[in-house]
Amino acid sequence: MLLIECPYCGPRPEIEFRCGGESHIERPGPQGEVTDEAWSDYLFYRGNPKGEHRERWFHAAGCRQWFNLKRDTVTHRIVEIYPMGETGSAEPTW
């Protein structure tokens, strides 16, 4: 089990959190000009890298706040945790 350092509550067990999927996904737009292909890519297709990956997490059984987490998908080592709206220490590599 992971021990996740909630930026608002401190260290908590993984069971208190819910993963919200890949972070830093930009919604296509403007609304009237989005193709069906661009919209389906936005809704259904996500990266599945081997290595560092940025995810959104929700502290469901605690403060109920969202935050971003950079995690290594091979070792599950948490590299960085940072608030929503920020990009972390380095830009995403994809």
C-alpha atoms as a PDB file:
ATOM      1  CA  MET A   1       0.000   0.000   0.000  1.00  0.00           C
ATOM      2  CA  LEU A   2       1.210   3.509  -0.808  1.00  0.00           C
ATOM      3  CA  LEU A   3       1.595   6.173   1.843  1.00  0.00           C
ATOM      4  CA  ILE A   4       0.477   9.378   0.139  1.00  0.00           C
ATOM      5  CA  GLU A   5       1.488  12.763   1.540  1.00  0.00           C
ATOM      6  CA  CYS A   6      -1.714  14.807   1.216  1.00  0.00           C
ATOM      7  CA  PRO A   7      -0.647  18.466   0.764  1.00  0.00           C
ATOM      8  CA  TYR A   8      -3.469  19.490   3.122  1.00  0.00           C
ATOM      9  CA  CYS A   9      -3.629  16.658   5.739  1.00  0.00           C
ATOM     10  CA  GLY A  10      -0.177  15.059   5.749  1.00  0.00           C
ATOM     11  CA  PRO A  11       0.697  11.370   5.220  1.00  0.00           C
ATOM     12  CA  ARG A  12      -2.295   9.055   4.802  1.00  0.00           C
ATOM     13  CA  PRO A  13      -2.783   5.472   3.503  1.00  0.00           C
ATOM     14  CA  GLU A  14      -3.651   4.990  -0.166  1.00  0.00           C
ATOM     15  CA  ILE A  15      -7.088   3.597   0.714  1.00  0.00           C
ATOM     16  CA  GLU A  16      -8.269   7.120   1.648  1.00  0.00           C
ATOM     17  CA  PHE A  17      -7.640   8.407  -1.891  1.00  0.00           C
ATOM     18  CA  ARG A  18      -9.126   7.963  -5.368  1.00  0.00           C
ATOM     19  CA  CYS A  19      -7.106   8.324  -8.544  1.00  0.00           C
ATOM     20  CA  GLY A  20      -8.710  10.646 -11.068  1.00  0.00           C
ATOM     21  CA  GLY A  21      -6.539   9.628 -14.018  1.00  0.00           C
ATOM     22  CA  GLU A  22      -3.907  11.462 -16.003  1.00  0.00           C
ATOM     23  CA  SER A  23      -3.413  15.130 -15.152  1.00  0.00           C
ATOM     24  CA  HIS A  24      -2.668  18.125 -17.356  1.00  0.00           C
ATOM     25  CA  ILE A  25      -5.145  17.084 -20.071  1.00  0.00           C
ATOM     26  CA  GLU A  26      -6.238  20.093 -22.110  1.00  0.00           C
ATOM     27  CA  ARG A  27      -9.824  20.163 -23.337  1.00  0.00           C
ATOM     28  CA  PRO A  28     -10.021  20.811 -27.107  1.00  0.00           C
ATOM     29  CA  GLY A  29     -11.739  23.932 -28.289  1.00  0.00           C
ATOM     30  CA  PRO A  30     -13.309  26.214 -29.254  1.00  0.00           C
ATOM     31  CA  GLN A  31     -16.511  24.288 -28.697  1.00  0.00           C
ATOM     32  CA  GLY A  32     -18.082  24.659 -32.134  1.00  0.00           C
ATOM     33  CA  GLU A  33     -14.919  23.749 -34.040  1.00  0.00           C
ATOM     34  CA  VAL A  34     -13.845  20.491 -32.344  1.00  0.00           C
ATOM     35  CA  THR A  35     -13.793  17.465 -34.648  1.00  0.00           C
ATOM     36  CA  ASP A  36     -15.243  14.130 -33.578  1.00  0.00           C
ATOM     37  CA  GLU A  37     -11.749  12.639 -33.676  1.00  0.00           C
ATOM     38  CA  ALA A  38     -10.295  15.339 -31.402  1.00  0.00           C
ATOM     39  CA  TRP A  39     -13.209  14.961 -28.978  1.00  0.00           C
ATOM     40  CA  SER A  40     -12.895  11.152 -28.812  1.00  0.00           C
ATOM     41  CA  ASP A  41      -9.118  11.476 -28.247  1.00  0.00           C
ATOM     42  CA  TYR A  42      -9.823  13.824 -25.346  1.00  0.00           C
ATOM     43  CA  LEU A  43     -12.473  11.565 -23.793  1.00  0.00           C
ATOM     44  CA  PHE A  44     -11.038   8.092 -24.271  1.00  0.00           C
ATOM     45  CA  TYR A  45      -7.309   8.039 -24.978  1.00  0.00           C
ATOM     46  CA  ARG A  46      -4.677   8.484 -22.281  1.00  0.00           C
ATOM     47  CA  GLY A  47      -0.976   7.840 -22.046  1.00  0.00           C
ATOM     48  CA  ASN A  48       0.174   4.678 -20.318  1.00  0.00           C
ATOM     49  CA  PRO A  49       3.900   5.290 -19.901  1.00  0.00           C
ATOM     50  CA  LYS A  50       6.426   3.075 -18.246  1.00  0.00           C
ATOM     51  CA  GLY A  51       8.149   5.439 -15.848  1.00  0.00           C
ATOM     52  CA  GLU A  52       7.130   8.804 -14.446  1.00  0.00           C
ATOM     53  CA  HIS A  53       3.482   9.722 -14.921  1.00  0.00           C
ATOM     54  CA  ARG A  54       1.387  12.659 -13.672  1.00  0.00           C
ATOM     55  CA  GLU A  55      -2.006  11.860 -12.133  1.00  0.00           C
ATOM     56  CA  ARG A  56      -4.861  13.663 -10.379  1.00  0.00           C
ATOM     57  CA  TRP A  57      -5.773  12.341  -6.915  1.00  0.00           C
ATOM     58  CA  PHE A  58      -8.731  13.078  -4.643  1.00  0.00           C
ATOM     59  CA  HIS A  59      -8.601  12.714  -0.851  1.00  0.00           C
ATOM     60  CA  ALA A  60     -12.054  11.132  -0.597  1.00  0.00           C
ATOM     61  CA  ALA A  61     -11.870  10.020   3.054  1.00  0.00           C
ATOM     62  CA  GLY A  62     -10.168  13.166   4.316  1.00  0.00           C
ATOM     63  CA  CYS A  63     -10.117  16.816   3.285  1.00  0.00           C
ATOM     64  CA  ARG A  64     -11.871  16.072  -0.050  1.00  0.00           C
ATOM     65  CA  GLN A  65      -9.327  18.137  -1.999  1.00  0.00           C
ATOM     66  CA  TRP A  66      -7.836  17.370  -5.427  1.00  0.00           C
ATOM     67  CA  PHE A  67      -4.081  17.499  -6.068  1.00  0.00           C
ATOM     68  CA  ASN A  68      -1.527  16.304  -8.623  1.00  0.00           C
ATOM     69  CA  LEU A  69       0.948  13.520  -8.035  1.00  0.00           C
ATOM     70  CA  LYS A  70       3.937  12.463 -10.146  1.00  0.00           C
ATOM     71  CA  ARG A  71       4.529   8.723  -9.700  1.00  0.00           C
ATOM     72  CA  ASP A  72       6.829   6.134 -11.252  1.00  0.00           C
ATOM     73  CA  THR A  73       4.524   3.469 -12.728  1.00  0.00           C
ATOM     74  CA  VAL A  74       7.194   0.763 -12.475  1.00  0.00           C
ATOM     75  CA  THR A  75       8.202   1.169  -8.820  1.00  0.00           C
ATOM     76  CA  HIS A  76       5.132   3.138  -7.579  1.00  0.00           C
ATOM     77  CA  ARG A  77       7.569   5.609  -6.004  1.00  0.00           C
ATOM     78  CA  ILE A  78       5.940   9.003  -5.525  1.00  0.00           C
ATOM     79  CA  VAL A  79       8.254  11.610  -7.034  1.00  0.00           C
ATOM     80  CA  GLU A  80       6.306  14.793  -6.323  1.00  0.00           C
ATOM     81  CA  ILE A  81       2.975  16.074  -5.011  1.00  0.00           C
ATOM     82  CA  TYR A  82       1.722  19.541  -5.936  1.00  0.00           C
ATOM     83  CA  PRO A  83      -1.567  21.536  -5.918  1.00  0.00           C
ATOM     84  CA  MET A  84      -4.042  21.660  -8.781  1.00  0.00           C
ATOM     85  CA  GLY A  85      -3.307  24.445 -11.241  1.00  0.00           C
ATOM     86  CA  GLU A  86       0.457  24.035 -10.961  1.00  0.00           C
ATOM     87  CA  THR A  87       2.765  22.046 -13.226  1.00  0.00           C
ATOM     88  CA  GLY A  88       5.180  20.754 -10.608  1.00  0.00           C
ATOM     89  CA  SER A  89       8.963  21.022 -10.743  1.00  0.00           C
ATOM     90  CA  ALA A  90       9.247  20.222 -14.454  1.00  0.00           C
ATOM     91  CA  GLU A  91       6.926  20.298 -17.432  1.00  0.00           C
ATOM     92  CA  PRO A  92       5.300  17.023 -18.516  1.00  0.00           C
ATOM     93  CA  THR A  93       7.565  15.124 -20.910  1.00  0.00           C
ATOM     94  CA  TRP A  94       4.929  13.935 -23.389  1.00  0.00           C
END
